[in-house]
Amino acid sequence: MKAQRFTPPYSDEAIVAWIDGEMCRADAESFEARLRSDELLSGRTAELMKSNQDYQGAFAAVLDEAPLARMHARLDTLSAQPAASAQGVSRRALIAASVSFLALGSIAGYLLRPSSAEADEHAHIRDLEAQYMSLYSAETLVDMDSATPVIQRGLARAAEDLGLPLLASQLRLRGAELKMVRMLRYDSISIAQIAWLSADYGPMALCVSPTERGATTALHQEQRHGMNLVWWHHAGYQFVLIGRNPLPALKGSAQQLYDALA
């Protein structure tokens, strides 16, 4: 039987395969190289490791006693070390070192993040939006009534619920057809979902929700539930573009919307 191969962007299945030692050597080396430089991947790997072992409990005491200078020194030491595979280090030792690195990164993030409660809420909203979009296929949107009056009604509802006036002309994306504008709700939070169908990559959606942050931020990118996300904040709203598009293509579409909605 042909062995399964794993390539970026890495799914949870791929991460578990690496943790369990089920990746072939070439894929494992590529994964480990990515792990050392990709903060999002390292965080997801740490979470999946925690599902099997109580890593959080093991490092809980360190949160109250971790000197920042010593953590930075440890990070510098780790980043200066050559790749473990080049030294013939065993997989068990590599996983142990990775856990140390990931835990250290988590502790640093815990101490340095400016507003954890607010940041976590926005991240939670993005996670829910990505999980919802992961259920979409081309068939979900292909038969949607995307006539101009229907789109206009959706935009009017978004303006009413969110206080965010949008024009269909601002939502034109190269290579994608605007198919739907509708309102979703999570607890007391209203979310506008604007969906396109890309001929190349399938469903794509911009989810807009209110946020306490009034400042405009740069574009950020991440992966959740097998979906690629590009998100930013502007004028009291969080904008999250979600799709299966490769990140460079998705970021190009996000930049179009970022400029049009500014």
C-alpha atoms as a PDB file:
ATOM      1  CA  MET A   1       0.000   0.000   0.000  1.00  0.00           C
ATOM      2  CA  LYS A   2       1.331   3.446  -0.904  1.00  0.00           C
ATOM      3  CA  ALA A   3       2.192   5.535   2.177  1.00  0.00           C
ATOM      4  CA  GLN A   4       0.156   8.696   2.688  1.00  0.00           C
ATOM      5  CA  ARG A   5       2.070  11.900   1.956  1.00  0.00           C
ATOM      6  CA  PHE A   6       1.631  15.179   3.846  1.00  0.00           C
ATOM      7  CA  THR A   7       2.324  18.656   2.471  1.00  0.00           C
ATOM      8  CA  PRO A   8       1.538  22.219   3.621  1.00  0.00           C
ATOM      9  CA  PRO A   9      -0.914  23.547   4.612  1.00  0.00           C
ATOM     10  CA  TYR A  10      -0.897  20.873   7.322  1.00  0.00           C
ATOM     11  CA  SER A  11      -4.221  19.497   8.552  1.00  0.00           C
ATOM     12  CA  ASP A  12      -4.820  18.181  12.070  1.00  0.00           C
ATOM     13  CA  GLU A  13      -4.502  14.682  10.594  1.00  0.00           C
ATOM     14  CA  ALA A  14      -0.985  15.526   9.389  1.00  0.00           C
ATOM     15  CA  ILE A  15       0.006  16.918  12.786  1.00  0.00           C
ATOM     16  CA  VAL A  16      -1.230  13.782  14.541  1.00  0.00           C
ATOM     17  CA  ALA A  17       0.667  11.633  12.032  1.00  0.00           C
ATOM     18  CA  TRP A  18       3.867  13.500  12.922  1.00  0.00           C
ATOM     19  CA  ILE A  19       3.216  13.197  16.671  1.00  0.00           C
ATOM     20  CA  ASP A  20       2.593   9.459  16.275  1.00  0.00           C
ATOM     21  CA  GLY A  21       5.699   8.963  14.123  1.00  0.00           C
ATOM     22  CA  GLU A  22       3.662   7.923  11.085  1.00  0.00           C
ATOM     23  CA  MET A  23       5.107  10.422   8.592  1.00  0.00           C
ATOM     24  CA  CYS A  24       7.726   9.307   6.128  1.00  0.00           C
ATOM     25  CA  ARG A  25      11.189  10.778   6.764  1.00  0.00           C
ATOM     26  CA  ALA A  26      11.020  13.378   3.969  1.00  0.00           C
ATOM     27  CA  ASP A  27       7.598  14.676   5.058  1.00  0.00           C
ATOM     28  CA  ALA A  28       8.641  14.686   8.727  1.00  0.00           C
ATOM     29  CA  GLU A  29      11.753  16.746   7.966  1.00  0.00           C
ATOM     30  CA  SER A  30       9.669  19.263   5.992  1.00  0.00           C
ATOM     31  CA  PHE A  31       7.109  19.414   8.797  1.00  0.00           C
ATOM     32  CA  GLU A  32       9.786  19.943  11.452  1.00  0.00           C
ATOM     33  CA  ALA A  33      11.403  22.746   9.453  1.00  0.00           C
ATOM     34  CA  ARG A  34       8.020  24.450   9.138  1.00  0.00           C
ATOM     35  CA  LEU A  35       7.332  23.885  12.840  1.00  0.00           C
ATOM     36  CA  ARG A  36      10.396  25.897  13.829  1.00  0.00           C
ATOM     37  CA  SER A  37       9.268  28.975  11.885  1.00  0.00           C
ATOM     38  CA  ASP A  38       5.455  28.837  11.803  1.00  0.00           C
ATOM     39  CA  GLU A  39       3.900  30.132  15.037  1.00  0.00           C
ATOM     40  CA  LEU A  40       0.380  29.029  14.081  1.00  0.00           C
ATOM     41  CA  LEU A  41       1.505  25.494  13.246  1.00  0.00           C
ATOM     42  CA  SER A  42       3.476  25.237  16.483  1.00  0.00           C
ATOM     43  CA  GLY A  43       0.432  26.362  18.462  1.00  0.00           C
ATOM     44  CA  ARG A  44      -1.850  23.824  16.794  1.00  0.00           C
ATOM     45  CA  THR A  45       0.729  21.081  17.379  1.00  0.00           C
ATOM     46  CA  ALA A  46       0.960  22.005  21.044  1.00  0.00           C
ATOM     47  CA  GLU A  47      -2.826  21.817  21.370  1.00  0.00           C
ATOM     48  CA  LEU A  48      -2.946  18.364  19.792  1.00  0.00           C
ATOM     49  CA  MET A  49      -0.119  17.188  22.015  1.00  0.00           C
ATOM     50  CA  LYS A  50      -2.086  18.425  25.022  1.00  0.00           C
ATOM     51  CA  SER A  51      -5.027  16.270  23.966  1.00  0.00           C
ATOM     52  CA  ASN A  52      -2.948  13.193  24.851  1.00  0.00           C
ATOM     53  CA  GLN A  53      -0.828  14.475  27.747  1.00  0.00           C
ATOM     54  CA  ASP A  54      -1.376  17.086  30.460  1.00  0.00           C
ATOM     55  CA  TYR A  55       1.243  19.499  29.151  1.00  0.00           C
ATOM     56  CA  GLN A  56      -0.681  22.495  30.409  1.00  0.00           C
ATOM     57  CA  GLY A  57      -0.655  21.122  33.950  1.00  0.00           C
ATOM     58  CA  ALA A  58       3.017  20.242  33.686  1.00  0.00           C
ATOM     59  CA  PHE A  59       3.935  23.819  32.779  1.00  0.00           C
ATOM     60  CA  ALA A  60       1.286  25.660  34.819  1.00  0.00           C
ATOM     61  CA  ALA A  61       3.659  26.492  37.665  1.00  0.00           C
ATOM     62  CA  VAL A  62       6.119  28.032  35.235  1.00  0.00           C
ATOM     63  CA  LEU A  63       3.623  30.716  34.194  1.00  0.00           C
ATOM     64  CA  ASP A  64       4.017  32.460  37.537  1.00  0.00           C
ATOM     65  CA  GLU A  65       7.790  32.084  37.771  1.00  0.00           C
ATOM     66  CA  ALA A  66       9.153  32.474  34.230  1.00  0.00           C
ATOM     67  CA  PRO A  67      11.618  35.399  34.007  1.00  0.00           C
ATOM     68  CA  LEU A  68      11.236  37.048  30.612  1.00  0.00           C
ATOM     69  CA  ALA A  69      14.985  37.508  30.072  1.00  0.00           C
ATOM     70  CA  ARG A  70      15.658  33.809  30.686  1.00  0.00           C
ATOM     71  CA  MET A  71      12.890  32.833  28.287  1.00  0.00           C
ATOM     72  CA  HIS A  72      14.323  35.025  25.542  1.00  0.00           C
ATOM     73  CA  ALA A  73      17.772  33.529  26.140  1.00  0.00           C
ATOM     74  CA  ARG A  74      16.294  30.035  25.869  1.00  0.00           C
ATOM     75  CA  LEU A  75      14.512  30.964  22.650  1.00  0.00           C
ATOM     76  CA  ASP A  76      17.765  32.326  21.213  1.00  0.00           C
ATOM     77  CA  THR A  77      19.530  29.084  22.121  1.00  0.00           C
ATOM     78  CA  LEU A  78      16.838  26.973  20.496  1.00  0.00           C
ATOM     79  CA  SER A  79      16.769  29.029  17.314  1.00  0.00           C
ATOM     80  CA  ALA A  80      20.569  28.781  17.016  1.00  0.00           C
ATOM     81  CA  GLN A  81      20.568  24.987  17.149  1.00  0.00           C
ATOM     82  CA  PRO A  82      20.882  23.142  13.816  1.00  0.00           C
ATOM     83  CA  ALA A  83      18.062  20.915  12.595  1.00  0.00           C
ATOM     84  CA  ALA A  84      17.711  17.813  14.760  1.00  0.00           C
ATOM     85  CA  SER A  85      17.486  15.501  11.765  1.00  0.00           C
ATOM     86  CA  ALA A  86      20.984  16.536  10.703  1.00  0.00           C
ATOM     87  CA  GLN A  87      22.364  15.320  14.044  1.00  0.00           C
ATOM     88  CA  GLY A  88      20.540  11.991  14.005  1.00  0.00           C
ATOM     89  CA  VAL A  89      18.448  12.837  17.059  1.00  0.00           C
ATOM     90  CA  SER A  90      15.719  10.314  17.813  1.00  0.00           C
ATOM     91  CA  ARG A  91      12.079  11.165  17.177  1.00  0.00           C
ATOM     92  CA  ARG A  92      11.311  10.873  20.904  1.00  0.00           C
ATOM     93  CA  ALA A  93      14.019  13.432  21.698  1.00  0.00           C
ATOM     94  CA  LEU A  94      12.767  15.687  18.910  1.00  0.00           C
ATOM     95  CA  ILE A  95       9.205  15.609  20.244  1.00  0.00           C
ATOM     96  CA  ALA A  96      10.483  16.371  23.745  1.00  0.00           C
ATOM     97  CA  ALA A  97      12.477  19.333  22.411  1.00  0.00           C
ATOM     98  CA  SER A  98       9.464  20.510  20.417  1.00  0.00           C
ATOM     99  CA  VAL A  99       7.250  20.393  23.492  1.00  0.00           C
ATOM    100  CA  SER A 100       9.830  22.481  25.355  1.00  0.00           C
ATOM    101  CA  PHE A 101       9.952  25.000  22.516  1.00  0.00           C
ATOM    102  CA  LEU A 102       6.163  25.175  22.144  1.00  0.00           C
ATOM    103  CA  ALA A 103       5.568  25.509  25.869  1.00  0.00           C
ATOM    104  CA  LEU A 104       8.138  28.289  26.035  1.00  0.00           C
ATOM    105  CA  GLY A 105       6.469  30.083  23.147  1.00  0.00           C
ATOM    106  CA  SER A 106       3.078  29.737  24.822  1.00  0.00           C
ATOM    107  CA  ILE A 107       4.451  31.166  28.085  1.00  0.00           C
ATOM    108  CA  ALA A 108       6.000  34.125  26.267  1.00  0.00           C
ATOM    109  CA  GLY A 109       2.698  34.768  24.501  1.00  0.00           C
ATOM    110  CA  TYR A 110       0.858  34.551  27.808  1.00  0.00           C
ATOM    111  CA  LEU A 111       3.080  37.230  29.336  1.00  0.00           C
ATOM    112  CA  LEU A 112       3.308  39.537  26.323  1.00  0.00           C
ATOM    113  CA  ARG A 113      -0.206  39.611  24.849  1.00  0.00           C
ATOM    114  CA  PRO A 114      -1.782  43.053  25.409  1.00  0.00           C
ATOM    115  CA  SER A 115      -5.429  42.119  25.947  1.00  0.00           C
ATOM    116  CA  SER A 116      -5.971  38.393  26.145  1.00  0.00           C
ATOM    117  CA  ALA A 117      -9.715  38.377  26.789  1.00  0.00           C
ATOM    118  CA  GLU A 118     -10.469  40.612  23.812  1.00  0.00           C
ATOM    119  CA  ALA A 119      -7.992  38.829  21.535  1.00  0.00           C
ATOM    120  CA  ASP A 120      -9.371  35.425  22.514  1.00  0.00           C
ATOM    121  CA  GLU A 121     -12.943  36.520  21.754  1.00  0.00           C
ATOM    122  CA  HIS A 122     -12.018  37.708  18.266  1.00  0.00           C
ATOM    123  CA  ALA A 123     -10.042  34.514  17.660  1.00  0.00           C
ATOM    124  CA  HIS A 124     -13.015  32.466  18.871  1.00  0.00           C
ATOM    125  CA  ILE A 125     -15.292  34.224  16.383  1.00  0.00           C
ATOM    126  CA  ARG A 126     -12.813  33.491  13.574  1.00  0.00           C
ATOM    127  CA  ASP A 127     -12.675  29.863  14.642  1.00  0.00           C
ATOM    128  CA  LEU A 128     -16.475  29.531  14.509  1.00  0.00           C
ATOM    129  CA  GLU A 129     -16.611  31.236  11.117  1.00  0.00           C
ATOM    130  CA  ALA A 130     -13.901  28.967   9.709  1.00  0.00           C
ATOM    131  CA  GLN A 131     -15.602  25.856  11.090  1.00  0.00           C
ATOM    132  CA  TYR A 132     -18.894  26.912   9.509  1.00  0.00           C
ATOM    133  CA  MET A 133     -17.245  27.618   6.143  1.00  0.00           C
ATOM    134  CA  SER A 134     -15.469  24.244   6.203  1.00  0.00           C
ATOM    135  CA  LEU A 135     -18.898  22.657   5.634  1.00  0.00           C
ATOM    136  CA  TYR A 136     -19.432  24.598   2.385  1.00  0.00           C
ATOM    137  CA  SER A 137     -18.892  23.085  -1.035  1.00  0.00           C
ATOM    138  CA  ALA A 138     -19.465  24.532  -4.486  1.00  0.00           C
ATOM    139  CA  GLU A 139     -22.913  22.915  -4.447  1.00  0.00           C
ATOM    140  CA  THR A 140     -23.800  25.000  -1.369  1.00  0.00           C
ATOM    141  CA  LEU A 141     -23.698  28.208  -3.421  1.00  0.00           C
ATOM    142  CA  VAL A 142     -24.178  27.232  -7.029  1.00  0.00           C
ATOM    143  CA  ASP A 143     -27.999  27.418  -6.937  1.00  0.00           C
ATOM    144  CA  MET A 144     -28.244  30.475  -4.686  1.00  0.00           C
ATOM    145  CA  ASP A 145     -30.390  33.308  -6.022  1.00  0.00           C
ATOM    146  CA  SER A 146     -27.774  35.994  -6.608  1.00  0.00           C
ATOM    147  CA  ALA A 147     -29.992  38.408  -8.508  1.00  0.00           C
ATOM    148  CA  THR A 148     -29.251  42.083  -7.851  1.00  0.00           C
ATOM    149  CA  PRO A 149     -32.407  42.726  -5.744  1.00  0.00           C
ATOM    150  CA  VAL A 150     -31.580  39.736  -3.499  1.00  0.00           C
ATOM    151  CA  ILE A 151     -28.009  40.935  -2.958  1.00  0.00           C
ATOM    152  CA  GLN A 152     -29.259  44.453  -2.234  1.00  0.00           C
ATOM    153  CA  ARG A 153     -31.678  43.158   0.406  1.00  0.00           C
ATOM    154  CA  GLY A 154     -28.804  41.315   2.083  1.00  0.00           C
ATOM    155  CA  LEU A 155     -26.661  44.448   2.078  1.00  0.00           C
ATOM    156  CA  ALA A 156     -29.518  46.500   3.500  1.00  0.00           C
ATOM    157  CA  ARG A 157     -29.938  43.970   6.323  1.00  0.00           C
ATOM    158  CA  ALA A 158     -26.197  44.105   7.072  1.00  0.00           C
ATOM    159  CA  ALA A 159     -26.374  47.908   7.208  1.00  0.00           C
ATOM    160  CA  GLU A 160     -29.344  47.708   9.573  1.00  0.00           C
ATOM    161  CA  ASP A 161     -27.934  45.045  11.914  1.00  0.00           C
ATOM    162  CA  LEU A 162     -24.274  46.103  11.940  1.00  0.00           C
ATOM    163  CA  GLY A 163     -24.476  49.781  11.059  1.00  0.00           C
ATOM    164  CA  LEU A 164     -22.140  49.018   8.167  1.00  0.00           C
ATOM    165  CA  PRO A 165     -23.231  50.353   4.765  1.00  0.00           C
ATOM    166  CA  LEU A 166     -21.774  48.306   1.902  1.00  0.00           C
ATOM    167  CA  LEU A 167     -22.137  48.578  -1.849  1.00  0.00           C
ATOM    168  CA  ALA A 168     -22.150  45.664  -4.262  1.00  0.00           C
ATOM    169  CA  SER A 169     -19.530  47.544  -6.291  1.00  0.00           C
ATOM    170  CA  GLN A 170     -17.142  47.305  -3.307  1.00  0.00           C
ATOM    171  CA  LEU A 171     -17.480  43.518  -3.249  1.00  0.00           C
ATOM    172  CA  ARG A 172     -16.291  42.641  -6.751  1.00  0.00           C
ATOM    173  CA  LEU A 173     -13.489  40.095  -6.742  1.00  0.00           C
ATOM    174  CA  ARG A 174     -11.470  38.900  -9.703  1.00  0.00           C
ATOM    175  CA  GLY A 175     -12.324  35.310 -10.637  1.00  0.00           C
ATOM    176  CA  ALA A 176     -15.238  35.018  -8.202  1.00  0.00           C
ATOM    177  CA  GLU A 177     -19.002  35.563  -8.451  1.00  0.00           C
ATOM    178  CA  LEU A 178     -20.865  37.229  -5.584  1.00  0.00           C
ATOM    179  CA  LYS A 179     -23.551  34.741  -4.568  1.00  0.00           C
ATOM    180  CA  MET A 180     -25.001  35.678  -1.191  1.00  0.00           C
ATOM    181  CA  VAL A 181     -25.187  38.256   1.592  1.00  0.00           C
ATOM    182  CA  ARG A 182     -26.862  37.161   4.812  1.00  0.00           C
ATOM    183  CA  MET A 183     -26.786  37.688   8.554  1.00  0.00           C
ATOM    184  CA  LEU A 184     -25.645  35.110  11.101  1.00  0.00           C
ATOM    185  CA  ARG A 185     -25.700  35.371  14.883  1.00  0.00           C
ATOM    186  CA  TYR A 186     -23.486  33.972  17.637  1.00  0.00           C
ATOM    187  CA  ASP A 187     -24.859  34.692  21.117  1.00  0.00           C
ATOM    188  CA  SER A 188     -25.512  38.439  20.925  1.00  0.00           C
ATOM    189  CA  ILE A 189     -23.014  39.067  18.110  1.00  0.00           C
ATOM    190  CA  SER A 190     -24.303  39.743  14.595  1.00  0.00           C
ATOM    191  CA  ILE A 191     -22.102  38.528  11.748  1.00  0.00           C
ATOM    192  CA  ALA A 192     -22.535  39.487   8.107  1.00  0.00           C
ATOM    193  CA  GLN A 193     -21.541  36.666   5.759  1.00  0.00           C
ATOM    194  CA  ILE A 194     -20.778  37.693   2.186  1.00  0.00           C
ATOM    195  CA  ALA A 195     -20.112  34.685  -0.030  1.00  0.00           C
ATOM    196  CA  TRP A 196     -18.558  34.235  -3.458  1.00  0.00           C
ATOM    197  CA  LEU A 197     -18.053  31.208  -5.654  1.00  0.00           C
ATOM    198  CA  SER A 198     -14.605  30.988  -7.200  1.00  0.00           C
ATOM    199  CA  ALA A 199     -14.267  28.958 -10.387  1.00  0.00           C
ATOM    200  CA  ASP A 200     -10.828  27.770  -9.249  1.00  0.00           C
ATOM    201  CA  TYR A 201     -11.175  27.274  -5.494  1.00  0.00           C
ATOM    202  CA  GLY A 202     -14.860  26.999  -4.635  1.00  0.00           C
ATOM    203  CA  PRO A 203     -16.699  28.879  -1.834  1.00  0.00           C
ATOM    204  CA  MET A 204     -15.150  31.937  -0.245  1.00  0.00           C
ATOM    205  CA  ALA A 205     -16.736  34.234   2.348  1.00  0.00           C
ATOM    206  CA  LEU A 206     -16.059  37.544   4.051  1.00  0.00           C
ATOM    207  CA  CYS A 207     -17.410  37.512   7.611  1.00  0.00           C
ATOM    208  CA  VAL A 208     -17.833  40.898   9.301  1.00  0.00           C
ATOM    209  CA  SER A 209     -18.505  41.320  13.021  1.00  0.00           C
ATOM    210  CA  PRO A 210     -18.308  44.287  15.410  1.00  0.00           C
ATOM    211  CA  THR A 211     -15.240  44.750  17.578  1.00  0.00           C
ATOM    212  CA  GLU A 212     -14.190  47.181  20.277  1.00  0.00           C
ATOM    213  CA  ARG A 213     -11.056  48.068  18.327  1.00  0.00           C
ATOM    214  CA  GLY A 214     -11.453  51.187  16.242  1.00  0.00           C
ATOM    215  CA  ALA A 215      -7.969  51.234  14.752  1.00  0.00           C
ATOM    216  CA  THR A 216      -7.188  49.735  11.358  1.00  0.00           C
ATOM    217  CA  THR A 217      -4.778  46.802  11.420  1.00  0.00           C
ATOM    218  CA  ALA A 218      -2.701  45.169   8.711  1.00  0.00           C
ATOM    219  CA  LEU A 219      -3.720  41.908   7.038  1.00  0.00           C
ATOM    220  CA  HIS A 220      -3.057  38.789   9.130  1.00  0.00           C
ATOM    221  CA  GLN A 221      -3.275  35.202   7.919  1.00  0.00           C
ATOM    222  CA  GLU A 222      -3.884  31.864   9.619  1.00  0.00           C
ATOM    223  CA  GLN A 223      -5.364  28.405   9.107  1.00  0.00           C
ATOM    224  CA  ARG A 224      -8.337  26.940  10.974  1.00  0.00           C
ATOM    225  CA  HIS A 225     -10.358  23.772  10.373  1.00  0.00           C
ATOM    226  CA  GLY A 226      -8.579  23.147   7.086  1.00  0.00           C
ATOM    227  CA  MET A 227      -9.493  26.631   5.798  1.00  0.00           C
ATOM    228  CA  ASN A 228      -7.220  29.567   5.029  1.00  0.00           C
ATOM    229  CA  LEU A 229      -8.080  32.907   6.646  1.00  0.00           C
ATOM    230  CA  VAL A 230      -6.953  36.481   6.059  1.00  0.00           C
ATOM    231  CA  TRP A 231      -8.305  38.968   8.607  1.00  0.00           C
ATOM    232  CA  TRP A 232      -8.028  42.591   9.641  1.00  0.00           C
ATOM    233  CA  HIS A 233      -9.767  45.224  11.796  1.00  0.00           C
ATOM    234  CA  HIS A 234     -11.136  48.523  10.526  1.00  0.00           C
ATOM    235  CA  ALA A 235     -13.461  51.177  11.953  1.00  0.00           C
ATOM    236  CA  GLY A 236     -14.841  48.996  14.730  1.00  0.00           C
ATOM    237  CA  TYR A 237     -15.261  45.769  12.741  1.00  0.00           C
ATOM    238  CA  GLN A 238     -13.365  42.525  12.252  1.00  0.00           C
ATOM    239  CA  PHE A 239     -13.190  41.357   8.633  1.00  0.00           C
ATOM    240  CA  VAL A 240     -12.324  37.703   7.990  1.00  0.00           C
ATOM    241  CA  LEU A 241     -11.939  36.327   4.457  1.00  0.00           C
ATOM    242  CA  ILE A 242     -12.141  32.528   4.439  1.00  0.00           C
ATOM    243  CA  GLY A 243     -11.621  30.009   1.645  1.00  0.00           C
ATOM    244  CA  ARG A 244      -9.723  27.024   0.348  1.00  0.00           C
ATOM    245  CA  ASN A 245      -7.721  29.314  -1.919  1.00  0.00           C
ATOM    246  CA  PRO A 246      -3.941  29.127  -1.485  1.00  0.00           C
ATOM    247  CA  LEU A 247      -2.923  31.843   0.947  1.00  0.00           C
ATOM    248  CA  PRO A 248      -1.236  34.079  -1.677  1.00  0.00           C
ATOM    249  CA  ALA A 249      -4.417  34.058  -3.791  1.00  0.00           C
ATOM    250  CA  LEU A 250      -6.658  34.599  -0.766  1.00  0.00           C
ATOM    251  CA  LYS A 251      -4.472  37.445   0.446  1.00  0.00           C
ATOM    252  CA  GLY A 252      -4.746  39.069  -2.988  1.00  0.00           C
ATOM    253  CA  SER A 253      -8.553  38.971  -2.722  1.00  0.00           C
ATOM    254  CA  ALA A 254      -8.375  40.262   0.848  1.00  0.00           C
ATOM    255  CA  GLN A 255      -6.229  43.177  -0.303  1.00  0.00           C
ATOM    256  CA  GLN A 256      -8.871  44.065  -2.916  1.00  0.00           C
ATOM    257  CA  LEU A 257     -11.545  44.148  -0.213  1.00  0.00           C
ATOM    258  CA  TYR A 258      -9.261  45.921   2.260  1.00  0.00           C
ATOM    259  CA  ASP A 259      -8.726  48.743  -0.250  1.00  0.00           C
ATOM    260  CA  ALA A 260     -12.366  48.880  -1.392  1.00  0.00           C
ATOM    261  CA  LEU A 261     -13.808  48.994   2.134  1.00  0.00           C
ATOM    262  CA  ALA A 262     -11.290  51.413   3.631  1.00  0.00           C
END
